[in-house]
Amino acid sequence: MRTPDQIPDLMADVVREHPLAHLELDPLPSGVCFLWVKLGRRNFVLEYSPTQGTGVSENFDDTPPFIGHDEAFDSLGEAARHFKSLLADAARTEADHLPKALVLREESLPYGKKQ
């Protein structure tokens, strides 16, 4: 199945609003998509299912796996708005724990090669 357009749009919003966030997208053949975002010390997940709605959670070091989501939404748009509000809160509270600079490389060297 195809990833809904709202997922890449959400990712673009997150990158624009929180350039130091780490994002991972895991789309499954069933159409279920997991979007993981780490911002500072905080870790969030949005799980979209084409048949069961969308779940949003903040995961902690002691969060057991497979316990369900903190919030459930019938609408992906509502879930995305809630997800972005959690990230905005994290950006405010994690300001001291975010990297101070971002370094980009023009090219990467093949494995095992040194400059």
PDB file of N, CA and C in Angstrom:
ATOM      1  N   MET A   1       0.843  -1.194   0.000  1.00  0.00           N
ATOM      2  CA  MET A   1       0.000   0.000   0.000  1.00  0.00           C
ATOM      3  C   MET A   1       0.879   1.245   0.000  1.00  0.00           C
ATOM      4  N   ARG A   2       0.306   2.314  -0.394  1.00  0.00           N
ATOM      5  CA  ARG A   2       0.994   3.591  -0.504  1.00  0.00           C
ATOM      6  C   ARG A   2       0.889   4.372   0.808  1.00  0.00           C
ATOM      7  N   THR A   3       1.978   5.070   1.149  1.00  0.00           N
ATOM      8  CA  THR A   3       1.979   5.940   2.335  1.00  0.00           C
ATOM      9  C   THR A   3       1.095   7.159   2.059  1.00  0.00           C
ATOM     10  N   PRO A   4       0.194   7.511   2.970  1.00  0.00           N
ATOM     11  CA  PRO A   4      -0.651   8.700   2.751  1.00  0.00           C
ATOM     12  C   PRO A   4       0.201   9.963   2.621  1.00  0.00           C
ATOM     13  N   ASP A   5      -0.236  10.886   1.772  1.00  0.00           N
ATOM     14  CA  ASP A   5       0.508  12.132   1.545  1.00  0.00           C
ATOM     15  C   ASP A   5       0.715  12.922   2.827  1.00  0.00           C
ATOM     16  N   GLN A   6      -0.168  12.754   3.797  1.00  0.00           N
ATOM     17  CA  GLN A   6      -0.043  13.514   5.044  1.00  0.00           C
ATOM     18  C   GLN A   6       1.210  13.127   5.837  1.00  0.00           C
ATOM     19  N   ILE A   7       1.719  11.906   5.655  1.00  0.00           N
ATOM     20  CA  ILE A   7       2.914  11.481   6.399  1.00  0.00           C
ATOM     21  C   ILE A   7       4.147  12.244   5.913  1.00  0.00           C
ATOM     22  N   PRO A   8       4.458  12.265   4.589  1.00  0.00           N
ATOM     23  CA  PRO A   8       5.595  13.081   4.147  1.00  0.00           C
ATOM     24  C   PRO A   8       5.407  14.572   4.449  1.00  0.00           C
ATOM     25  N   ASP A   9       4.162  15.047   4.383  1.00  0.00           N
ATOM     26  CA  ASP A   9       3.901  16.450   4.738  1.00  0.00           C
ATOM     27  C   ASP A   9       4.240  16.697   6.207  1.00  0.00           C
ATOM     28  N   LEU A  10       3.855  15.765   7.076  1.00  0.00           N
ATOM     29  CA  LEU A  10       4.178  15.881   8.496  1.00  0.00           C
ATOM     30  C   LEU A  10       5.685  15.859   8.701  1.00  0.00           C
ATOM     31  N   MET A  11       6.365  14.967   8.010  1.00  0.00           N
ATOM     32  CA  MET A  11       7.820  14.899   8.132  1.00  0.00           C
ATOM     33  C   MET A  11       8.471  16.214   7.698  1.00  0.00           C
ATOM     34  N   ALA A  12       7.993  16.795   6.608  1.00  0.00           N
ATOM     35  CA  ALA A  12       8.527  18.082   6.141  1.00  0.00           C
ATOM     36  C   ALA A  12       8.308  19.175   7.189  1.00  0.00           C
ATOM     37  N   ASP A  13       7.123  19.181   7.800  1.00  0.00           N
ATOM     38  CA  ASP A  13       6.845  20.161   8.862  1.00  0.00           C
ATOM     39  C   ASP A  13       7.799  19.973  10.038  1.00  0.00           C
ATOM     40  N   VAL A  14       8.029  18.722  10.421  1.00  0.00           N
ATOM     41  CA  VAL A  14       8.912  18.443  11.562  1.00  0.00           C
ATOM     42  C   VAL A  14      10.329  18.901  11.249  1.00  0.00           C
ATOM     43  N   VAL A  15      10.821  18.587  10.064  1.00  0.00           N
ATOM     44  CA  VAL A  15      12.186  18.986   9.683  1.00  0.00           C
ATOM     45  C   VAL A  15      12.309  20.506   9.647  1.00  0.00           C
ATOM     46  N   ARG A  16      11.274  21.176   9.123  1.00  0.00           N
ATOM     47  CA  ARG A  16      11.310  22.644   9.048  1.00  0.00           C
ATOM     48  C   ARG A  16      11.254  23.274  10.447  1.00  0.00           C
ATOM     49  N   GLU A  17      10.390  22.763  11.311  1.00  0.00           N
ATOM     50  CA  GLU A  17      10.199  23.355  12.631  1.00  0.00           C
ATOM     51  C   GLU A  17      11.234  22.903  13.650  1.00  0.00           C
ATOM     52  N   HIS A  18      11.802  21.704  13.449  1.00  0.00           N
ATOM     53  CA  HIS A  18      12.756  21.136  14.412  1.00  0.00           C
ATOM     54  C   HIS A  18      13.922  20.497  13.654  1.00  0.00           C
ATOM     55  N   PRO A  19      14.802  21.323  13.064  1.00  0.00           N
ATOM     56  CA  PRO A  19      15.861  20.772  12.203  1.00  0.00           C
ATOM     57  C   PRO A  19      16.828  19.838  12.920  1.00  0.00           C
ATOM     58  N   LEU A  20      16.890  19.865  14.238  1.00  0.00           N
ATOM     59  CA  LEU A  20      17.799  18.987  14.971  1.00  0.00           C
ATOM     60  C   LEU A  20      17.136  17.686  15.419  1.00  0.00           C
ATOM     61  N   ALA A  21      15.892  17.497  15.038  1.00  0.00           N
ATOM     62  CA  ALA A  21      15.192  16.250  15.376  1.00  0.00           C
ATOM     63  C   ALA A  21      15.706  15.121  14.499  1.00  0.00           C
ATOM     64  N   HIS A  22      15.686  13.916  15.056  1.00  0.00           N
ATOM     65  CA  HIS A  22      16.052  12.711  14.312  1.00  0.00           C
ATOM     66  C   HIS A  22      14.756  11.999  13.935  1.00  0.00           C
ATOM     67  N   LEU A  23      14.549  11.748  12.639  1.00  0.00           N
ATOM     68  CA  LEU A  23      13.319  11.116  12.151  1.00  0.00           C
ATOM     69  C   LEU A  23      13.627   9.765  11.519  1.00  0.00           C
ATOM     70  N   GLU A  24      12.717   8.831  11.719  1.00  0.00           N
ATOM     71  CA  GLU A  24      12.769   7.544  11.031  1.00  0.00           C
ATOM     72  C   GLU A  24      11.351   7.189  10.599  1.00  0.00           C
ATOM     73  N   LEU A  25      11.217   6.770   9.355  1.00  0.00           N
ATOM     74  CA  LEU A  25       9.929   6.333   8.836  1.00  0.00           C
ATOM     75  C   LEU A  25      10.033   4.853   8.503  1.00  0.00           C
ATOM     76  N   ASP A  26       9.074   4.084   8.980  1.00  0.00           N
ATOM     77  CA  ASP A  26       9.034   2.649   8.716  1.00  0.00           C
ATOM     78  C   ASP A  26       7.677   2.303   8.113  1.00  0.00           C
ATOM     79  N   PRO A  27       7.561   2.357   6.758  1.00  0.00           N
ATOM     80  CA  PRO A  27       6.301   1.975   6.121  1.00  0.00           C
ATOM     81  C   PRO A  27       6.263   0.465   5.900  1.00  0.00           C
ATOM     82  N   LEU A  28       5.182  -0.172   6.279  1.00  0.00           N
ATOM     83  CA  LEU A  28       5.040  -1.614   6.129  1.00  0.00           C
ATOM     84  C   LEU A  28       4.181  -1.933   4.904  1.00  0.00           C
ATOM     85  N   PRO A  29       4.325  -3.127   4.323  1.00  0.00           N
ATOM     86  CA  PRO A  29       3.526  -3.493   3.150  1.00  0.00           C
ATOM     87  C   PRO A  29       2.017  -3.430   3.401  1.00  0.00           C
ATOM     88  N   SER A  30       1.594  -3.578   4.640  1.00  0.00           N
ATOM     89  CA  SER A  30       0.167  -3.541   4.986  1.00  0.00           C
ATOM     90  C   SER A  30      -0.432  -2.144   4.890  1.00  0.00           C
ATOM     91  N   GLY A  31       0.422  -1.134   4.735  1.00  0.00           N
ATOM     92  CA  GLY A  31      -0.049   0.249   4.737  1.00  0.00           C
ATOM     93  C   GLY A  31       0.159   0.939   6.065  1.00  0.00           C
ATOM     94  N   VAL A  32       0.487   0.169   7.109  1.00  0.00           N
ATOM     95  CA  VAL A  32       0.805   0.753   8.413  1.00  0.00           C
ATOM     96  C   VAL A  32       2.143   1.480   8.298  1.00  0.00           C
ATOM     97  N   CYS A  33       2.220   2.673   8.889  1.00  0.00           N
ATOM     98  CA  CYS A  33       3.458   3.461   8.883  1.00  0.00           C
ATOM     99  C   CYS A  33       3.783   3.867  10.309  1.00  0.00           C
ATOM    100  N   PHE A  34       5.055   3.742  10.666  1.00  0.00           N
ATOM    101  CA  PHE A  34       5.553   4.237  11.937  1.00  0.00           C
ATOM    102  C   PHE A  34       6.456   5.424  11.657  1.00  0.00           C
ATOM    103  N   LEU A  35       6.211   6.538  12.312  1.00  0.00           N
ATOM    104  CA  LEU A  35       7.095   7.697  12.242  1.00  0.00           C
ATOM    105  C   LEU A  35       7.659   7.905  13.638  1.00  0.00           C
ATOM    106  N   TRP A  36       8.972   7.723  13.759  1.00  0.00           N
ATOM    107  CA  TRP A  36       9.673   7.889  15.032  1.00  0.00           C
ATOM    108  C   TRP A  36      10.408   9.215  14.988  1.00  0.00           C
ATOM    109  N   VAL A  37      10.276  10.018  16.033  1.00  0.00           N
ATOM    110  CA  VAL A  37      10.989  11.292  16.120  1.00  0.00           C
ATOM    111  C   VAL A  37      11.630  11.389  17.495  1.00  0.00           C
ATOM    112  N   LYS A  38      12.929  11.685  17.483  1.00  0.00           N
ATOM    113  CA  LYS A  38      13.651  11.921  18.736  1.00  0.00           C
ATOM    114  C   LYS A  38      14.093  13.377  18.739  1.00  0.00           C
ATOM    115  N   LEU A  39      13.777  14.051  19.821  1.00  0.00           N
ATOM    116  CA  LEU A  39      14.122  15.460  19.971  1.00  0.00           C
ATOM    117  C   LEU A  39      14.731  15.636  21.355  1.00  0.00           C
ATOM    118  N   GLY A  40      16.023  15.894  21.397  1.00  0.00           N
ATOM    119  CA  GLY A  40      16.715  15.948  22.681  1.00  0.00           C
ATOM    120  C   GLY A  40      16.668  14.580  23.328  1.00  0.00           C
ATOM    121  N   ARG A  41      16.190  14.523  24.560  1.00  0.00           N
ATOM    122  CA  ARG A  41      16.085  13.250  25.281  1.00  0.00           C
ATOM    123  C   ARG A  41      14.713  12.611  25.133  1.00  0.00           C
ATOM    124  N   ARG A  42      13.824  13.239  24.372  1.00  0.00           N
ATOM    125  CA  ARG A  42      12.444  12.748  24.264  1.00  0.00           C
ATOM    126  C   ARG A  42      12.224  12.017  22.940  1.00  0.00           C
ATOM    127  N   ASN A  43      11.378  10.987  23.000  1.00  0.00           N
ATOM    128  CA  ASN A  43      11.183  10.074  21.885  1.00  0.00           C
ATOM    129  C   ASN A  43       9.683   9.886  21.648  1.00  0.00           C
ATOM    130  N   PHE A  44       9.256  10.095  20.416  1.00  0.00           N
ATOM    131  CA  PHE A  44       7.833  10.040  20.074  1.00  0.00           C
ATOM    132  C   PHE A  44       7.604   9.100  18.898  1.00  0.00           C
ATOM    133  N   VAL A  45       6.396   8.551  18.821  1.00  0.00           N
ATOM    134  CA  VAL A  45       6.018   7.721  17.680  1.00  0.00           C
ATOM    135  C   VAL A  45       4.586   8.029  17.274  1.00  0.00           C
ATOM    136  N   LEU A  46       4.392   8.070  15.954  1.00  0.00           N
ATOM    137  CA  LEU A  46       3.059   8.148  15.375  1.00  0.00           C
ATOM    138  C   LEU A  46       2.899   6.877  14.546  1.00  0.00           C
ATOM    139  N   GLU A  47       1.857   6.125  14.813  1.00  0.00           N
ATOM    140  CA  GLU A  47       1.579   4.900  14.066  1.00  0.00           C
ATOM    141  C   GLU A  47       0.268   5.074  13.313  1.00  0.00           C
ATOM    142  N   TYR A  48       0.357   5.052  11.991  1.00  0.00           N
ATOM    143  CA  TYR A  48      -0.826   5.172  11.139  1.00  0.00           C
ATOM    144  C   TYR A  48      -1.224   3.793  10.637  1.00  0.00           C
ATOM    145  N   SER A  49      -2.500   3.476  10.738  1.00  0.00           N
ATOM    146  CA  SER A  49      -3.049   2.246  10.172  1.00  0.00           C
ATOM    147  C   SER A  49      -4.233   2.621   9.289  1.00  0.00           C
ATOM    148  N   PRO A  50      -4.252   2.144   8.045  1.00  0.00           N
ATOM    149  CA  PRO A  50      -5.367   2.493   7.173  1.00  0.00           C
ATOM    150  C   PRO A  50      -6.709   1.920   7.642  1.00  0.00           C
ATOM    151  N   THR A  51      -6.677   0.927   8.518  1.00  0.00           N
ATOM    152  CA  THR A  51      -7.932   0.308   8.973  1.00  0.00           C
ATOM    153  C   THR A  51      -8.268   0.579  10.428  1.00  0.00           C
ATOM    154  N   GLN A  52      -7.270   1.022  11.237  1.00  0.00           N
ATOM    155  CA  GLN A  52      -7.515   1.164  12.675  1.00  0.00           C
ATOM    156  C   GLN A  52      -7.292   2.567  13.217  1.00  0.00           C
ATOM    157  N   GLY A  53      -6.979   3.529  12.374  1.00  0.00           N
ATOM    158  CA  GLY A  53      -6.744   4.879  12.856  1.00  0.00           C
ATOM    159  C   GLY A  53      -5.278   5.125  13.142  1.00  0.00           C
ATOM    160  N   THR A  54      -5.006   6.151  13.946  1.00  0.00           N
ATOM    161  CA  THR A  54      -3.635   6.584  14.201  1.00  0.00           C
ATOM    162  C   THR A  54      -3.405   6.728  15.693  1.00  0.00           C
ATOM    163  N   GLY A  55      -2.288   6.205  16.162  1.00  0.00           N
ATOM    164  CA  GLY A  55      -1.901   6.323  17.559  1.00  0.00           C
ATOM    165  C   GLY A  55      -0.679   7.211  17.704  1.00  0.00           C
ATOM    166  N   VAL A  56      -0.615   7.940  18.796  1.00  0.00           N
ATOM    167  CA  VAL A  56       0.509   8.828  19.093  1.00  0.00           C
ATOM    168  C   VAL A  56       0.954   8.555  20.518  1.00  0.00           C
ATOM    169  N   SER A  57       2.267   8.428  20.704  1.00  0.00           N
ATOM    170  CA  SER A  57       2.805   8.163  22.039  1.00  0.00           C
ATOM    171  C   SER A  57       4.139   8.861  22.237  1.00  0.00           C
ATOM    172  N   GLU A  58       4.422   9.129  23.502  1.00  0.00           N
ATOM    173  CA  GLU A  58       5.775   9.481  23.908  1.00  0.00           C
ATOM    174  C   GLU A  58       6.328   8.259  24.620  1.00  0.00           C
ATOM    175  N   ASN A  59       7.485   7.811  24.181  1.00  0.00           N
ATOM    176  CA  ASN A  59       8.109   6.635  24.775  1.00  0.00           C
ATOM    177  C   ASN A  59       9.235   7.047  25.707  1.00  0.00           C
ATOM    178  N   PHE A  60       9.324   6.369  26.822  1.00  0.00           N
ATOM    179  CA  PHE A  60      10.353   6.622  27.818  1.00  0.00           C
ATOM    180  C   PHE A  60      11.239   5.384  27.928  1.00  0.00           C
ATOM    181  N   ASP A  61      12.363   5.520  28.609  1.00  0.00           N
ATOM    182  CA  ASP A  61      13.271   4.384  28.766  1.00  0.00           C
ATOM    183  C   ASP A  61      12.577   3.186  29.402  1.00  0.00           C
ATOM    184  N   ASP A  62      11.619   3.449  30.284  1.00  0.00           N
ATOM    185  CA  ASP A  62      10.951   2.344  30.978  1.00  0.00           C
ATOM    186  C   ASP A  62       9.577   1.987  30.382  1.00  0.00           C
ATOM    187  N   THR A  63       9.268   2.502  29.176  1.00  0.00           N
ATOM    188  CA  THR A  63       7.999   2.172  28.536  1.00  0.00           C
ATOM    189  C   THR A  63       8.063   0.740  28.011  1.00  0.00           C
ATOM    190  N   PRO A  64       7.174  -0.126  28.481  1.00  0.00           N
ATOM    191  CA  PRO A  64       7.180  -1.505  27.965  1.00  0.00           C
ATOM    192  C   PRO A  64       6.720  -1.531  26.503  1.00  0.00           C
ATOM    193  N   PRO A  65       7.212  -2.483  25.724  1.00  0.00           N
ATOM    194  CA  PRO A  65       6.770  -2.565  24.333  1.00  0.00           C
ATOM    195  C   PRO A  65       5.329  -3.073  24.231  1.00  0.00           C
ATOM    196  N   PHE A  66       4.668  -2.673  23.164  1.00  0.00           N
ATOM    197  CA  PHE A  66       3.348  -3.189  22.794  1.00  0.00           C
ATOM    198  C   PHE A  66       2.261  -2.931  23.838  1.00  0.00           C
ATOM    199  N   ILE A  67       2.299  -1.767  24.480  1.00  0.00           N
ATOM    200  CA  ILE A  67       1.268  -1.482  25.478  1.00  0.00           C
ATOM    201  C   ILE A  67       0.138  -0.609  24.935  1.00  0.00           C
ATOM    202  N   GLY A  68       0.228  -0.210  23.691  1.00  0.00           N
ATOM    203  CA  GLY A  68      -0.782   0.684  23.127  1.00  0.00           C
ATOM    204  C   GLY A  68      -0.287   2.119  23.158  1.00  0.00           C
ATOM    205  N   HIS A  69      -1.046   2.982  22.530  1.00  0.00           N
ATOM    206  CA  HIS A  69      -0.625   4.382  22.412  1.00  0.00           C
ATOM    207  C   HIS A  69      -1.257   5.242  23.499  1.00  0.00           C
ATOM    208  N   ASP A  70      -0.618   6.397  23.731  1.00  0.00           N
ATOM    209  CA  ASP A  70      -1.133   7.355  24.712  1.00  0.00           C
ATOM    210  C   ASP A  70      -2.443   7.977  24.237  1.00  0.00           C
ATOM    211  N   GLU A  71      -2.537   8.231  22.934  1.00  0.00           N
ATOM    212  CA  GLU A  71      -3.733   8.850  22.341  1.00  0.00           C
ATOM    213  C   GLU A  71      -4.059   8.131  21.044  1.00  0.00           C
ATOM    214  N   ALA A  72      -5.336   7.989  20.744  1.00  0.00           N
ATOM    215  CA  ALA A  72      -5.787   7.380  19.497  1.00  0.00           C
ATOM    216  C   ALA A  72      -6.690   8.361  18.753  1.00  0.00           C
ATOM    217  N   PHE A  73      -6.567   8.382  17.419  1.00  0.00           N
ATOM    218  CA  PHE A  73      -7.309   9.325  16.583  1.00  0.00           C
ATOM    219  C   PHE A  73      -7.888   8.594  15.382  1.00  0.00           C
ATOM    220  N   ASP A  74      -9.102   8.955  15.007  1.00  0.00           N
ATOM    221  CA  ASP A  74      -9.687   8.437  13.771  1.00  0.00           C
ATOM    222  C   ASP A  74      -9.114   9.168  12.563  1.00  0.00           C
ATOM    223  N   SER A  75      -8.725  10.427  12.761  1.00  0.00           N
ATOM    224  CA  SER A  75      -8.232  11.273  11.687  1.00  0.00           C
ATOM    225  C   SER A  75      -6.703  11.399  11.769  1.00  0.00           C
ATOM    226  N   LEU A  76      -6.036  11.145  10.643  1.00  0.00           N
ATOM    227  CA  LEU A  76      -4.587  11.334  10.587  1.00  0.00           C
ATOM    228  C   LEU A  76      -4.227  12.804  10.785  1.00  0.00           C
ATOM    229  N   GLY A  77      -5.049  13.707  10.287  1.00  0.00           N
ATOM    230  CA  GLY A  77      -4.802  15.142  10.467  1.00  0.00           C
ATOM    231  C   GLY A  77      -4.811  15.550  11.929  1.00  0.00           C
ATOM    232  N   GLU A  78      -5.801  15.050  12.690  1.00  0.00           N
ATOM    233  CA  GLU A  78      -5.859  15.339  14.130  1.00  0.00           C
ATOM    234  C   GLU A  78      -4.642  14.765  14.841  1.00  0.00           C
ATOM    235  N   ALA A  79      -4.258  13.549  14.469  1.00  0.00           N
ATOM    236  CA  ALA A  79      -3.091  12.916  15.083  1.00  0.00           C
ATOM    237  C   ALA A  79      -1.826  13.711  14.781  1.00  0.00           C
ATOM    238  N   ALA A  80      -1.696  14.187  13.546  1.00  0.00           N
ATOM    239  CA  ALA A  80      -0.517  14.974  13.165  1.00  0.00           C
ATOM    240  C   ALA A  80      -0.446  16.272  13.960  1.00  0.00           C
ATOM    241  N   ARG A  81      -1.584  16.933  14.156  1.00  0.00           N
ATOM    242  CA  ARG A  81      -1.595  18.175  14.947  1.00  0.00           C
ATOM    243  C   ARG A  81      -1.175  17.886  16.391  1.00  0.00           C
ATOM    244  N   HIS A  82      -1.669  16.814  16.965  1.00  0.00           N
ATOM    245  CA  HIS A  82      -1.290  16.451  18.336  1.00  0.00           C
ATOM    246  C   HIS A  82       0.199  16.100  18.403  1.00  0.00           C
ATOM    247  N   PHE A  83       0.672  15.351  17.423  1.00  0.00           N
ATOM    248  CA  PHE A  83       2.087  14.967  17.357  1.00  0.00           C
ATOM    249  C   PHE A  83       2.969  16.215  17.313  1.00  0.00           C
ATOM    250  N   LYS A  84       2.592  17.186  16.474  1.00  0.00           N
ATOM    251  CA  LYS A  84       3.382  18.427  16.371  1.00  0.00           C
ATOM    252  C   LYS A  84       3.328  19.228  17.669  1.00  0.00           C
ATOM    253  N   SER A  85       2.212  19.174  18.389  1.00  0.00           N
ATOM    254  CA  SER A  85       2.149  19.897  19.670  1.00  0.00           C
ATOM    255  C   SER A  85       3.076  19.249  20.705  1.00  0.00           C
ATOM    256  N   LEU A  86       3.179  17.919  20.684  1.00  0.00           N
ATOM    257  CA  LEU A  86       4.122  17.240  21.580  1.00  0.00           C
ATOM    258  C   LEU A  86       5.557  17.620  21.242  1.00  0.00           C
ATOM    259  N   LEU A  87       5.870  17.700  19.951  1.00  0.00           N
ATOM    260  CA  LEU A  87       7.219  18.082  19.541  1.00  0.00           C
ATOM    261  C   LEU A  87       7.537  19.533  19.920  1.00  0.00           C
ATOM    262  N   ALA A  88       6.553  20.408  19.799  1.00  0.00           N
ATOM    263  CA  ALA A  88       6.760  21.803  20.187  1.00  0.00           C
ATOM    264  C   ALA A  88       7.062  21.892  21.679  1.00  0.00           C
ATOM    265  N   ASP A  89       6.340  21.121  22.487  1.00  0.00           N
ATOM    266  CA  ASP A  89       6.610  21.083  23.920  1.00  0.00           C
ATOM    267  C   ASP A  89       8.019  20.546  24.185  1.00  0.00           C
ATOM    268  N   ALA A  90       8.401  19.503  23.471  1.00  0.00           N
ATOM    269  CA  ALA A  90       9.744  18.934  23.646  1.00  0.00           C
ATOM    270  C   ALA A  90      10.818  19.947  23.271  1.00  0.00           C
ATOM    271  N   ALA A  91      10.587  20.715  22.214  1.00  0.00           N
ATOM    272  CA  ALA A  91      11.573  21.718  21.793  1.00  0.00           C
ATOM    273  C   ALA A  91      11.778  22.762  22.886  1.00  0.00           C
ATOM    274  N   ARG A  92      10.698  23.122  23.576  1.00  0.00           N
ATOM    275  CA  ARG A  92      10.822  24.103  24.668  1.00  0.00           C
ATOM    276  C   ARG A  92      11.549  23.501  25.868  1.00  0.00           C
ATOM    277  N   THR A  93      11.202  22.278  26.229  1.00  0.00           N
ATOM    278  CA  THR A  93      11.758  21.693  27.451  1.00  0.00           C
ATOM    279  C   THR A  93      13.131  21.069  27.239  1.00  0.00           C
ATOM    280  N   GLU A  94      13.474  20.752  25.989  1.00  0.00           N
ATOM    281  CA  GLU A  94      14.742  20.076  25.711  1.00  0.00           C
ATOM    282  C   GLU A  94      15.789  21.004  25.104  1.00  0.00           C
ATOM    283  N   ALA A  95      15.572  22.305  25.134  1.00  0.00           N
ATOM    284  CA  ALA A  95      16.488  23.246  24.489  1.00  0.00           C
ATOM    285  C   ALA A  95      17.934  23.058  24.947  1.00  0.00           C
ATOM    286  N   ASP A  96      18.146  22.756  26.217  1.00  0.00           N
ATOM    287  CA  ASP A  96      19.507  22.589  26.726  1.00  0.00           C
ATOM    288  C   ASP A  96      20.116  21.243  26.347  1.00  0.00           C
ATOM    289  N   HIS A  97      19.335  20.338  25.782  1.00  0.00           N
ATOM    290  CA  HIS A  97      19.823  19.000  25.464  1.00  0.00           C
ATOM    291  C   HIS A  97      19.900  18.738  23.962  1.00  0.00           C
ATOM    292  N   LEU A  98      19.715  19.783  23.156  1.00  0.00           N
ATOM    293  CA  LEU A  98      19.822  19.655  21.714  1.00  0.00           C
ATOM    294  C   LEU A  98      21.230  20.030  21.271  1.00  0.00           C
ATOM    295  N   PRO A  99      21.738  19.430  20.192  1.00  0.00           N
ATOM    296  CA  PRO A  99      23.063  19.816  19.691  1.00  0.00           C
ATOM    297  C   PRO A  99      23.074  21.301  19.344  1.00  0.00           C
ATOM    298  N   LYS A 100      24.219  21.915  19.488  1.00  0.00           N
ATOM    299  CA  LYS A 100      24.340  23.345  19.201  1.00  0.00           C
ATOM    300  C   LYS A 100      24.704  23.613  17.746  1.00  0.00           C
ATOM    301  N   ALA A 101      25.148  22.592  17.021  1.00  0.00           N
ATOM    302  CA  ALA A 101      25.525  22.773  15.626  1.00  0.00           C
ATOM    303  C   ALA A 101      25.204  21.506  14.847  1.00  0.00           C
ATOM    304  N   LEU A 102      24.993  21.677  13.561  1.00  0.00           N
ATOM    305  CA  LEU A 102      24.734  20.569  12.665  1.00  0.00           C
ATOM    306  C   LEU A 102      25.795  20.625  11.576  1.00  0.00           C
ATOM    307  N   VAL A 103      26.511  19.528  11.371  1.00  0.00           N
ATOM    308  CA  VAL A 103      27.584  19.488  10.392  1.00  0.00           C
ATOM    309  C   VAL A 103      27.167  18.565   9.255  1.00  0.00           C
ATOM    310  N   LEU A 104      27.242  19.070   8.027  1.00  0.00           N
ATOM    311  CA  LEU A 104      26.919  18.282   6.849  1.00  0.00           C
ATOM    312  C   LEU A 104      28.204  18.024   6.066  1.00  0.00           C
ATOM    313  N   ARG A 105      28.329  16.830   5.511  1.00  0.00           N
ATOM    314  CA  ARG A 105      29.476  16.496   4.677  1.00  0.00           C
ATOM    315  C   ARG A 105      29.033  16.505   3.223  1.00  0.00           C
ATOM    316  N   GLU A 106      29.945  16.950   2.337  1.00  0.00           N
ATOM    317  CA  GLU A 106      29.618  16.950   0.919  1.00  0.00           C
ATOM    318  C   GLU A 106      29.582  15.543   0.358  1.00  0.00           C
ATOM    319  N   GLU A 107      30.481  14.688   0.796  1.00  0.00           N
ATOM    320  CA  GLU A 107      30.521  13.313   0.305  1.00  0.00           C
ATOM    321  C   GLU A 107      30.995  12.402   1.422  1.00  0.00           C
ATOM    322  N   SER A 108      30.610  11.177   1.363  1.00  0.00           N
ATOM    323  CA  SER A 108      31.088  10.221   2.344  1.00  0.00           C
ATOM    324  C   SER A 108      32.081   9.301   1.654  1.00  0.00           C
ATOM    325  N   LEU A 109      33.040   8.837   2.425  1.00  0.00           N
ATOM    326  CA  LEU A 109      34.049   7.935   1.904  1.00  0.00           C
ATOM    327  C   LEU A 109      33.549   6.508   1.961  1.00  0.00           C
ATOM    328  N   PRO A 110      33.951   5.676   1.016  1.00  0.00           N
ATOM    329  CA  PRO A 110      33.566   4.251   1.093  1.00  0.00           C
ATOM    330  C   PRO A 110      34.087   3.651   2.376  1.00  0.00           C
ATOM    331  N   TYR A 111      33.394   2.620   2.862  1.00  0.00           N
ATOM    332  CA  TYR A 111      33.773   1.958   4.100  1.00  0.00           C
ATOM    333  C   TYR A 111      35.232   1.529   4.044  1.00  0.00           C
ATOM    334  N   GLY A 112      35.965   1.821   5.101  1.00  0.00           N
ATOM    335  CA  GLY A 112      37.359   1.391   5.215  1.00  0.00           C
ATOM    336  C   GLY A 112      38.363   2.370   4.616  1.00  0.00           C
ATOM    337  N   LYS A 113      37.910   3.371   3.872  1.00  0.00           N
ATOM    338  CA  LYS A 113      38.826   4.353   3.279  1.00  0.00           C
ATOM    339  C   LYS A 113      39.026   5.497   4.240  1.00  0.00           C
ATOM    340  N   LYS A 114      40.254   5.998   4.302  1.00  0.00           N
ATOM    341  CA  LYS A 114      40.566   7.145   5.146  1.00  0.00           C
ATOM    342  C   LYS A 114      41.040   8.287   4.278  1.00  0.00           C
ATOM    343  N   GLN A 115      40.846   9.515   4.776  1.00  0.00           N
ATOM    344  CA  GLN A 115      41.295  10.698   4.028  1.00  0.00           C
ATOM    345  C   GLN A 115      42.781  10.854   4.133  1.00  0.00           C
TER     346      GLN A 115
END
